[in-house]
Protein backbone atom coordinates (compact mmCIF):
# COMPACT_ATOMS: atom_id res chain seq x y z
CA MET A 1 80.78 305.19 198.65
CA ASP A 2 81.73 305.13 202.42
CA GLN A 3 78.56 303.50 203.89
CA ASN A 4 79.02 304.48 207.36
CA LEU A 5 78.84 308.33 206.46
CA ASN A 6 74.98 308.78 206.98
CA ARG A 7 71.79 309.42 209.34
CA ARG A 8 71.47 305.88 209.57
CA ASN A 9 74.02 305.40 212.52
CA PHE A 10 73.12 306.82 215.38
CA ILE A 11 73.56 310.68 216.11
CA LYS A 12 77.03 311.49 218.10
CA THR A 13 75.38 313.12 221.05
CA THR A 14 73.51 309.64 221.44
CA ALA A 15 76.73 307.61 221.04
CA ALA A 16 78.26 309.78 223.43
CA ALA A 17 75.23 309.03 226.33
CA GLY A 18 76.27 305.68 226.27
CA LEU A 19 73.82 304.77 223.56
CA ALA A 20 70.77 304.75 226.00
CA ILE A 21 68.20 303.42 223.40
CA ALA A 22 70.63 299.98 223.05
CA SER A 23 69.94 299.64 226.37
CA ALA A 24 66.31 299.61 226.88
CA ALA A 25 64.76 296.45 227.69
CA VAL A 26 64.19 294.23 224.82
CA LEU A 27 60.10 293.12 224.91
CA PRO A 28 59.52 289.90 225.06
CA GLY A 29 59.74 287.90 221.71
CA CYS A 30 61.98 290.82 219.74
CA SER A 31 65.97 291.06 219.58
CA ALA A 32 68.45 293.63 219.46
CA ALA A 33 70.07 294.01 216.20
CA THR A 34 73.60 295.87 215.59
CA THR A 35 73.34 298.59 213.36
CA GLY A 36 75.92 300.99 211.56
CA LYS A 37 78.88 302.02 213.79
CA GLY A 38 78.73 299.62 216.58
CA GLY A 39 75.08 301.03 217.46
CA SER A 40 71.97 298.99 218.11
CA VAL A 41 68.31 299.36 218.76
CA SER A 42 66.01 296.94 220.65
CA TRP A 43 63.10 295.91 217.91
CA LYS A 44 59.57 296.85 219.72
CA GLU A 45 57.63 295.06 216.59
CA GLU A 46 58.46 293.02 214.02
CA ALA A 47 56.70 291.90 210.66
CA ASP A 48 57.97 290.31 207.27
CA VAL A 49 57.30 293.72 205.43
CA VAL A 50 56.36 297.22 207.02
CA VAL A 51 54.64 299.71 204.79
CA VAL A 52 54.76 303.47 205.14
CA GLY A 53 52.14 305.08 203.74
CA SER A 54 48.21 304.13 203.39
CA GLY A 55 46.79 305.58 200.39
CA PHE A 56 46.83 303.68 197.13
CA ALA A 57 50.37 302.89 196.73
CA GLY A 58 50.77 302.02 200.58
CA LEU A 59 47.46 300.35 200.88
CA ALA A 60 48.15 297.90 197.31
CA ALA A 61 51.51 296.85 198.67
CA ALA A 62 50.60 295.31 201.70
CA ILE A 63 47.55 293.43 200.08
CA GLU A 64 50.05 292.22 197.62
CA ALA A 65 52.59 291.07 200.52
CA VAL A 66 49.85 289.77 202.71
CA ALA A 67 48.73 287.78 199.91
CA ALA A 68 52.37 286.24 199.41
CA GLY A 69 52.38 284.96 202.43
CA SER A 70 54.24 287.68 204.79
CA SER A 71 53.44 289.44 207.95
CA VAL A 72 52.44 293.11 207.20
CA LYS A 73 53.04 296.38 209.74
CA VAL A 74 51.22 299.46 207.80
CA LEU A 75 51.88 302.97 209.70
CA GLU A 76 50.61 306.49 209.15
CA LYS A 77 51.45 309.39 210.49
CA MET A 78 48.09 311.04 210.40
CA PRO A 79 44.82 310.59 212.39
CA ILE A 80 43.10 309.19 209.70
CA SER A 81 44.15 306.54 206.54
CA GLY A 82 44.36 307.82 203.19
CA GLY A 83 46.59 310.55 202.65
CA ASN A 84 46.01 312.10 199.62
CA SER A 85 44.24 308.87 197.95
CA ILE A 86 41.51 309.73 199.90
CA ILE A 87 40.55 313.20 198.60
CA ASN A 88 41.44 312.17 195.59
CA GLY A 89 38.84 312.14 192.19
CA GLY A 90 38.46 308.74 191.94
CA ASP A 91 39.37 308.27 188.10
CA LEU A 92 41.76 305.59 187.18
CA ALA A 93 43.60 305.49 183.59
CA ALA A 94 43.43 302.74 181.63
CA ALA A 95 44.15 301.56 178.43
CA GLY A 96 42.22 298.65 176.66
CA THR A 97 39.52 297.87 179.23
CA LYS A 98 35.79 296.27 178.86
CA MET A 99 34.44 299.47 180.37
CA GLN A 100 36.12 301.32 177.51
CA ALA A 101 35.02 298.71 174.62
CA GLU A 102 31.48 298.92 175.78
CA ALA A 103 31.57 302.94 175.05
CA GLY A 104 33.04 302.17 171.88
CA ILE A 105 36.46 303.96 172.63
CA LYS A 106 39.44 302.45 171.03
CA ASP A 107 42.41 302.67 172.92
CA SER A 108 45.62 300.50 173.32
CA VAL A 109 48.82 300.70 175.86
CA ASP A 110 51.02 302.29 172.88
CA LEU A 111 48.56 305.10 172.59
CA MET A 112 48.62 306.21 176.23
CA VAL A 113 52.55 305.32 176.39
CA GLU A 114 52.82 308.21 173.52
CA ASP A 115 50.09 310.55 175.45
CA MET A 116 52.22 310.02 178.62
CA LEU A 117 55.52 310.28 177.00
CA LYS A 118 54.16 313.55 175.56
CA ALA A 119 52.63 315.41 177.86
CA GLY A 120 56.63 314.75 180.38
CA SER A 121 57.89 316.33 177.37
CA TYR A 122 59.77 313.31 176.60
CA LEU A 123 61.61 313.42 179.98
CA ASN A 124 59.79 309.97 181.14
CA HIS A 125 61.76 306.75 182.00
CA VAL A 126 60.23 304.92 178.95
CA GLU A 127 59.77 301.51 180.41
CA LYS A 128 57.75 302.56 183.40
CA VAL A 129 55.70 304.20 181.40
CA ARG A 130 55.19 300.61 179.39
CA LEU A 131 55.29 298.97 182.35
CA LEU A 132 52.36 301.51 183.44
CA ALA A 133 50.12 301.03 180.48
CA GLU A 134 50.42 297.48 180.18
CA LYS A 135 49.39 297.19 183.94
CA SER A 136 46.39 299.54 183.55
CA SER A 137 43.82 297.64 181.96
CA GLU A 138 44.49 294.37 185.05
CA THR A 139 44.71 297.28 187.65
CA VAL A 140 40.89 298.14 187.01
CA ASP A 141 40.04 294.74 187.13
CA TRP A 142 41.94 294.32 190.43
CA THR A 143 40.21 297.03 192.04
CA MET A 144 36.71 295.82 190.89
CA SER A 145 37.77 292.36 192.19
CA LEU A 146 38.02 294.21 195.72
CA GLY A 147 34.70 295.55 194.86
CA VAL A 148 35.37 298.71 193.69
CA LYS A 149 32.85 299.88 191.37
CA TYR A 150 32.89 301.93 188.27
CA ARG A 151 30.00 304.31 186.57
CA ARG A 152 31.75 305.99 183.61
CA VAL A 153 34.72 306.51 181.58
CA ASN A 154 35.98 310.07 181.08
CA PHE A 155 38.44 312.83 179.18
CA HIS A 156 41.18 314.14 181.04
CA GLY A 157 42.81 317.14 179.10
CA GLY A 158 46.12 315.86 177.52
CA HIS A 159 44.78 312.05 176.58
CA SER A 160 43.77 311.49 173.24
CA VAL A 161 40.88 309.33 174.02
CA PRO A 162 38.90 309.01 177.64
CA ARG A 163 40.33 306.52 179.67
CA ALA A 164 40.18 307.83 183.20
CA HIS A 165 37.48 304.91 184.95
CA ALA A 166 35.46 307.36 187.48
CA THR A 167 34.49 305.25 190.57
CA ALA A 168 30.84 305.38 191.41
CA ASN A 169 31.01 308.13 193.81
CA ALA A 170 33.82 310.02 192.27
CA SER A 171 36.13 309.47 194.98
CA GLY A 172 39.40 308.20 195.82
CA GLY A 173 37.97 307.18 198.51
CA ASP A 174 36.08 304.23 197.10
CA ILE A 175 39.01 302.60 196.12
CA VAL A 176 40.75 303.46 199.53
CA LYS A 177 37.84 302.19 201.89
CA ALA A 178 37.94 299.12 199.59
CA GLU A 179 41.85 298.26 199.97
CA LEU A 180 41.10 298.43 203.78
CA ALA A 181 38.65 296.24 204.16
CA ARG A 182 40.74 293.79 202.35
CA LEU A 183 43.52 294.02 204.92
CA LYS A 184 40.94 293.99 207.63
CA GLU A 185 39.55 290.81 206.55
CA LYS A 186 43.52 289.71 206.68
CA GLY A 187 43.52 290.63 209.83
CA VAL A 188 45.90 293.90 209.24
CA ASN A 189 45.03 297.52 210.15
CA VAL A 190 46.69 300.52 209.76
CA ALA A 191 48.52 301.98 212.82
CA LYS A 192 47.73 305.40 212.44
CA ASN A 193 49.49 308.81 214.57
CA SER A 194 52.80 306.82 213.48
CA LYS A 195 55.74 308.96 211.97
CA VAL A 196 58.75 307.43 211.09
CA VAL A 197 61.87 309.63 211.91
CA ARG A 198 64.26 307.33 210.24
CA LEU A 199 64.97 304.41 208.58
CA ILE A 200 67.53 301.99 210.18
CA GLN A 201 70.34 300.23 207.84
CA ASN A 202 73.18 298.09 208.80
CA ASP A 203 77.18 298.70 207.71
CA ALA A 204 76.78 296.58 204.98
CA GLY A 205 73.48 298.92 203.82
CA ARG A 206 70.72 296.70 204.16
CA VAL A 207 67.99 298.55 205.27
CA LEU A 208 66.78 296.59 208.73
CA GLY A 209 63.32 298.27 210.15
CA VAL A 210 62.34 302.05 211.15
CA GLU A 211 62.26 304.69 214.18
CA VAL A 212 58.91 305.06 214.52
CA LYS A 213 57.12 307.81 216.98
CA THR A 214 54.08 305.83 217.79
CA GLY A 215 51.47 308.19 219.34
CA TYR A 216 52.29 310.91 217.45
CA LYS A 217 50.63 314.56 217.17
CA PHE A 218 50.72 315.61 213.33
CA GLY A 219 52.75 319.58 213.54
CA ASP A 220 53.93 318.51 217.09
CA GLU A 221 57.29 317.03 216.59
CA ASN A 222 57.69 316.58 220.27
CA SER A 223 55.03 314.36 220.66
CA GLY A 224 55.12 310.05 220.20
CA THR A 225 57.04 307.63 222.15
CA THR A 226 60.31 306.56 219.82
CA SER A 227 60.16 302.57 219.33
CA PHE A 228 61.89 300.51 216.51
CA ILE A 229 60.05 298.23 214.23
CA LYS A 230 62.33 295.76 212.64
CA ALA A 231 61.54 295.07 208.82
CA LYS A 232 62.36 290.98 208.41
CA LYS A 233 62.24 291.23 204.66
CA ALA A 234 61.44 294.76 203.57
CA VAL A 235 60.24 298.63 204.32
CA VAL A 236 58.16 299.76 201.22
CA LEU A 237 57.91 303.83 201.43
CA ALA A 238 54.41 305.08 199.72
CA ALA A 239 54.43 308.51 201.55
CA GLY A 240 53.57 310.78 198.87
CA GLY A 241 55.41 313.93 197.50
CA PHE A 242 56.15 317.09 199.14
CA SER A 243 53.63 319.35 197.66
CA GLN A 244 52.74 320.97 201.23
CA ASP A 245 56.77 321.84 202.42
CA VAL A 246 56.90 325.10 200.84
CA ARG A 247 60.72 325.56 201.75
CA MET A 248 60.93 322.10 199.81
CA ARG A 249 59.13 323.04 196.81
CA MET A 250 60.95 326.23 196.67
CA ILE A 251 64.40 324.89 196.72
CA HIS A 252 63.62 323.58 193.28
CA ASP A 253 61.23 326.01 191.58
CA PRO A 254 61.37 329.29 193.38
CA ARG A 255 58.39 330.81 191.81
CA LEU A 256 56.38 327.98 194.17
CA THR A 257 56.00 330.26 197.53
CA ASP A 258 52.98 329.93 200.03
CA ASN A 259 51.09 332.52 197.51
CA LEU A 260 50.11 329.51 196.31
CA ASP A 261 48.40 326.84 197.99
CA SER A 262 48.06 322.94 197.56
CA THR A 263 45.62 320.49 196.57
CA ASN A 264 47.41 318.07 198.67
CA HIS A 265 46.29 317.01 202.40
CA ALA A 266 48.30 318.82 205.25
CA GLY A 267 50.89 315.56 205.89
CA ALA A 268 52.43 315.78 202.15
CA THR A 269 55.95 317.22 203.70
CA GLY A 270 58.73 315.00 202.21
CA GLU A 271 60.35 314.15 205.15
CA LEU A 272 60.57 310.26 204.42
CA LEU A 273 61.94 310.80 200.76
CA ARG A 274 64.50 312.99 202.29
CA GLU A 275 65.26 310.30 204.80
CA ALA A 276 66.05 307.86 202.07
CA LEU A 277 68.19 310.06 200.27
CA LYS A 278 70.22 310.31 203.32
CA LEU A 279 70.78 306.57 202.69
CA GLY A 280 72.11 307.10 199.91
CA ALA A 281 69.73 307.14 197.61
CA MET A 282 68.93 308.38 193.69
CA ASP A 283 66.70 311.06 193.10
CA ILE A 284 64.71 312.13 190.02
CA HIS A 285 62.75 315.28 188.69
CA MET A 286 62.87 316.99 191.89
CA ASP A 287 62.58 320.50 190.03
CA TRP A 288 59.66 319.13 187.92
CA ILE A 289 56.26 320.17 190.12
CA GLN A 290 53.06 320.52 188.74
CA CYS A 291 49.89 322.87 189.67
CA GLY A 292 46.62 322.17 188.61
CA PRO A 293 44.74 324.64 186.35
CA TRP A 294 41.51 323.33 187.81
CA THR A 295 41.19 324.90 191.29
CA SER A 296 39.39 327.40 192.19
CA PRO A 297 40.03 330.40 194.64
CA ASP A 298 36.83 330.42 196.35
CA GLU A 299 37.28 327.12 197.86
CA LYS A 300 40.20 325.70 199.98
CA GLY A 301 42.34 322.60 199.00
CA PHE A 302 41.64 319.82 196.16
CA GLY A 303 37.80 320.89 196.40
CA TYR A 304 35.00 320.23 194.00
CA VAL A 305 35.82 322.68 191.49
CA PRO A 306 38.69 320.58 189.92
CA GLN A 307 35.73 317.91 188.67
CA PHE A 308 33.05 320.62 187.72
CA CYS A 309 36.16 321.61 185.14
CA GLU A 310 37.52 318.42 184.18
CA ARG A 311 34.41 317.31 183.40
CA LEU A 312 33.60 320.43 181.16
CA VAL A 313 36.90 320.91 179.05
CA GLY A 314 35.65 319.53 175.63
CA TYR A 315 32.13 320.20 176.02
CA ALA A 316 32.20 324.17 177.07
CA PRO A 317 34.64 327.21 176.48
CA MET A 318 36.81 328.34 179.35
CA VAL A 319 37.04 332.37 179.15
CA ASN A 320 39.72 335.47 179.84
CA PRO A 321 37.48 337.21 182.19
CA LYS A 322 39.26 340.83 181.08
CA THR A 323 38.40 339.93 177.77
CA GLY A 324 35.55 337.62 177.25
CA LYS A 325 37.65 335.45 174.83
CA ARG A 326 39.23 331.66 174.98
CA PHE A 327 42.69 331.66 175.27
CA ILE A 328 43.50 327.66 175.62
CA LYS A 329 43.28 324.78 174.50
CA GLU A 330 40.75 323.30 177.03
CA THR A 331 41.64 320.01 176.44
CA GLY A 332 45.30 320.28 176.47
CA ASP A 333 48.21 319.69 179.16
CA ARG A 334 47.75 320.76 183.12
CA LYS A 335 51.24 322.53 182.94
CA VAL A 336 50.13 324.60 179.09
CA ARG A 337 46.89 325.63 181.12
CA ALA A 338 48.74 326.46 184.62
CA ASP A 339 50.90 328.57 182.94
CA ALA A 340 48.40 330.27 181.06
CA ILE A 341 46.51 331.29 183.86
CA LEU A 342 49.67 332.26 186.17
CA LYS A 343 50.84 334.40 183.10
CA PHE A 344 47.53 336.38 183.50
CA GLY A 345 47.84 337.28 187.24
CA TYR A 346 44.17 336.79 188.01
CA PRO A 347 41.69 333.64 187.88
CA VAL A 348 40.06 332.50 184.69
CA VAL A 349 36.46 331.18 184.49
CA ILE A 350 35.57 328.01 183.79
CA LEU A 351 31.20 327.54 182.32
CA GLY A 352 28.94 324.97 181.07
CA ASP A 353 25.13 325.17 180.03
CA SER A 354 22.12 323.12 181.60
CA TYR A 355 23.01 320.09 179.36
CA ALA A 356 26.74 319.74 179.45
CA VAL A 357 26.59 319.91 183.43
CA GLN A 358 23.58 317.38 183.74
CA ARG A 359 25.41 315.17 181.47
CA GLN A 360 29.06 315.42 182.83
CA ILE A 361 29.01 316.50 187.06
CA VAL A 362 28.24 314.21 189.19
CA PRO A 363 24.69 315.50 191.13
CA LYS A 364 26.66 315.34 194.79
CA ILE A 365 29.60 317.55 193.42
CA LEU A 366 27.93 319.99 191.26
CA GLU A 367 25.58 320.45 195.03
CA ALA A 368 28.43 321.06 197.16
CA GLY A 369 30.43 323.22 194.85
CA MET A 370 27.49 325.31 194.80
CA LYS A 371 26.61 324.98 198.77
CA ASN A 372 30.41 326.16 199.63
CA GLY A 373 29.84 328.88 196.87
CA SER A 374 32.80 328.37 194.33
CA VAL A 375 30.01 326.81 191.85
CA LYS A 376 27.63 329.52 190.75
CA LYS A 377 24.10 329.28 188.63
CA TYR A 378 22.79 331.95 186.44
CA ASP A 379 19.42 332.46 184.50
CA THR A 380 21.51 333.83 181.30
CA LEU A 381 25.02 334.04 179.64
CA GLU A 382 24.32 337.84 180.53
CA GLU A 383 23.95 337.35 184.16
CA LEU A 384 27.10 335.55 184.21
CA ALA A 385 29.19 338.04 182.48
CA ARG A 386 28.16 340.93 184.42
CA ALA A 387 28.65 338.56 188.27
CA TYR A 388 32.39 338.12 186.66
CA GLU A 389 32.94 341.51 185.57
CA ILE A 390 33.28 340.31 181.43
CA PRO A 391 32.71 341.97 178.76
CA VAL A 392 29.08 341.16 178.18
CA GLY A 393 29.34 341.56 173.78
CA PRO A 394 32.78 339.56 173.11
CA PHE A 395 31.73 337.23 175.81
CA LEU A 396 28.40 336.83 173.75
CA GLU A 397 30.16 336.89 170.52
CA GLU A 398 33.06 333.96 171.68
CA VAL A 399 30.52 331.93 172.54
CA ARG A 400 28.50 331.93 169.29
CA ARG A 401 31.98 331.07 167.70
CA TRP A 402 32.77 328.22 170.10
CA ASN A 403 29.07 327.15 169.50
CA SER A 404 29.81 327.18 165.84
CA MET A 405 32.60 325.05 165.93
CA VAL A 406 30.93 322.74 168.35
CA LEU A 407 28.52 322.31 165.11
CA ASN A 408 31.51 321.29 162.58
CA GLY A 409 33.15 319.05 165.36
CA LYS A 410 36.69 321.26 164.97
CA ASP A 411 37.92 324.04 166.63
CA THR A 412 39.65 325.87 165.02
CA ASP A 413 40.96 328.74 167.31
CA HIS A 414 43.03 326.23 169.96
CA ASP A 415 42.57 322.54 168.68
CA CYS A 416 40.42 321.52 171.78
CA LEU A 417 39.11 318.56 171.27
CA ILE A 418 35.31 318.39 170.58
CA LEU A 419 33.98 315.14 172.57
CA GLU A 420 31.71 313.00 171.88
CA GLY A 421 28.13 314.38 172.79
CA ALA A 422 28.97 318.12 172.98
CA LYS A 423 26.21 320.44 171.87
CA PRO A 424 26.64 324.07 171.24
CA THR A 425 26.34 325.85 174.81
CA ILE A 426 22.77 327.88 174.85
CA GLU A 427 20.20 325.61 177.11
CA GLY A 428 19.95 327.69 180.65
CA PRO A 429 20.35 327.90 183.62
CA PHE A 430 24.52 328.25 183.15
CA TYR A 431 26.75 327.42 185.31
CA ALA A 432 30.29 328.52 185.97
CA ALA A 433 33.06 328.56 188.44
CA ARG A 434 36.88 331.01 189.12
CA LEU A 435 40.09 328.69 188.29
CA TRP A 436 43.18 329.76 190.03
CA PRO A 437 45.88 327.32 190.30
CA ARG A 438 47.64 325.19 192.96
CA VAL A 439 50.54 323.08 193.90
CA HIS A 440 49.33 319.70 192.86
CA HIS A 441 51.98 316.81 192.35
CA THR A 442 55.69 316.57 192.78
CA MET A 443 56.89 314.21 189.70
CA GLY A 444 59.94 313.81 191.34
CA GLY A 445 61.25 311.53 193.95
CA LEU A 446 63.13 308.55 194.51
CA LEU A 447 64.93 306.49 191.85
CA THR A 448 63.48 303.02 191.75
CA ASN A 449 63.58 300.12 188.77
CA LEU A 450 60.88 297.91 187.43
CA LYS A 451 60.63 295.64 190.59
CA ALA A 452 60.03 298.84 192.55
CA GLN A 453 63.21 298.85 194.54
CA VAL A 454 64.88 301.85 195.56
CA ILE A 455 68.50 302.85 193.68
CA ASN A 456 71.25 304.31 195.20
CA GLN A 457 74.47 306.43 193.75
CA ASP A 458 76.17 303.74 192.73
CA TYR A 459 73.34 302.67 190.57
CA ASN A 460 72.73 299.32 192.67
CA PRO A 461 69.73 298.27 194.57
CA ILE A 462 69.33 299.79 198.52
CA PRO A 463 68.92 296.09 199.87
CA GLY A 464 65.21 295.88 202.08
CA LEU A 465 64.29 299.01 200.78
CA TYR A 466 61.43 299.65 198.05
CA ALA A 467 58.97 302.81 197.28
CA ALA A 468 55.89 303.64 195.12
CA GLY A 469 53.59 306.41 194.39
CA GLU A 470 54.34 310.08 194.64
CA ILE A 471 57.64 309.39 196.50
CA THR A 472 59.14 307.90 193.17
CA GLY A 473 59.98 309.55 190.39
CA GLY A 474 61.19 309.23 186.69
CA ILE A 475 57.25 308.07 185.18
CA HIS A 476 55.65 311.34 184.77
CA GLY A 477 58.44 313.05 183.33
CA ALA A 478 57.70 316.76 183.36
CA VAL A 479 53.82 316.70 183.58
CA ARG A 480 51.41 313.71 184.59
CA LEU A 481 48.53 313.41 182.98
CA GLY A 482 45.51 313.72 185.27
CA SER A 483 44.14 310.28 186.17
CA CYS A 484 47.52 308.63 185.47
CA ALA A 485 48.60 308.73 189.31
CA LEU A 486 46.02 306.60 190.48
CA THR A 487 47.21 303.99 187.86
CA ASP A 488 51.36 304.48 188.94
CA CYS A 489 50.26 304.18 192.79
CA LEU A 490 48.36 301.28 192.22
CA VAL A 491 50.74 299.35 189.83
CA ASN A 492 53.66 299.80 191.17
CA GLY A 493 52.08 299.60 194.88
CA ARG A 494 51.07 296.18 194.07
CA ILE A 495 54.92 295.40 192.47
CA ALA A 496 56.31 296.66 195.77
CA GLY A 497 54.10 294.29 197.76
CA GLN A 498 55.12 291.48 195.57
CA GLU A 499 58.55 291.94 195.85
CA ALA A 500 59.21 293.13 198.97
CA ALA A 501 57.48 289.44 200.08
CA ARG A 502 60.35 287.74 197.86
CA GLU A 503 62.99 289.12 199.92
CA GLN A 504 64.88 286.81 201.98
CA ALA A 505 64.19 287.63 205.72
CA TRP A 506 67.31 288.55 207.60
CA THR A 507 68.31 287.16 211.20
């Protein structure tokens, strides 16, 4: 492949203008570098490792690179750190942990691998799945070493056993804040409002650094001042997926129009993924885009209903409001549930009684959901049915049937897992929420190897370029299991930081 034929080189108009950027004054202590086609840039700053993105993966990479003795620069295009990670529900999937053992949960790396492969329709890259599962338990320990506290082990649909380790505040923010605090201790701060617009490569194909707009205001592409940051060892891409780019997601799945909202933060627009593709990076699984089946049309973004819904599956029924009947395995994987709801073409209802809700739902989540109106409270099942225009008779009969199966410990209708501690749904008041899918996770992205190196179209690593988190693909296959994203980001973010720090610095 001709390494000169891509956007790492200056555009022709810049060259015709006499390479104005190349003639800019070099700041004291910085140097100029030759890029493709004889162009050059003047570096304003430099660091051993430049990390793009400040979510779970990017911060983990930065922490590990600093721990290995490298200087680090973390860039974030948004005005706040964290991206999707800060609004994440705070559940970290891990197998064979101390918390599971203390709760009497029998789990293993092999079982976690099999669950992920089954959900992913066996399209997953098995060696990546196994690496994630093998490092999952130590990842929980690593976060605890940062000061993260966990309160229990939750169950997510598609898993065989509870393995989602829930942070104290049921928020990914618990982990992000701990990561940021560790970096601050080491003298590393996130440079916010800094949008990377280009990866700089030389003719040999090595990534040298990034072109960035500092002072960037999200949504205003004319904002910001252009500068260049040298990455003496490597660039780590941890900029997330593309769920908020409707045009991009529709290219890969035309059904995902702007009629479907997204759970993601506004900045999940995928431009750094496309920039890497312009360097000749290989992509994978781009057509597999996941919709979360547990979001509500009664609140915006990720909201509170996902945690209300997912804590109740296996403890309470989900019904089609037109019939009053259950229609799906509540503890099944996300794609099956989302596809079933979308096929109806209208929202469905998840409900739970006081026992299930008090046992499973974090009080502040319940309170917030009720405050914004997405979760509602009813004194009786009849009142609940009338509120959602559910036929009362069939609904009450379905709840009685569910209750009988809970008592027997076996769902003979849809094979839902009846989870430990589940009781019949009889204790008022009752709580309910409507569910309608939103675009949630892009399983596809850049192809990487087990060292988190980005692979090019010739099946070779692109020198000086690493990636981790949702910007990559291959791990989750067709469907990502709930709580595995956090594990993916932390495991591979740490690997990316460790490996980037080992790179030989270029001169």
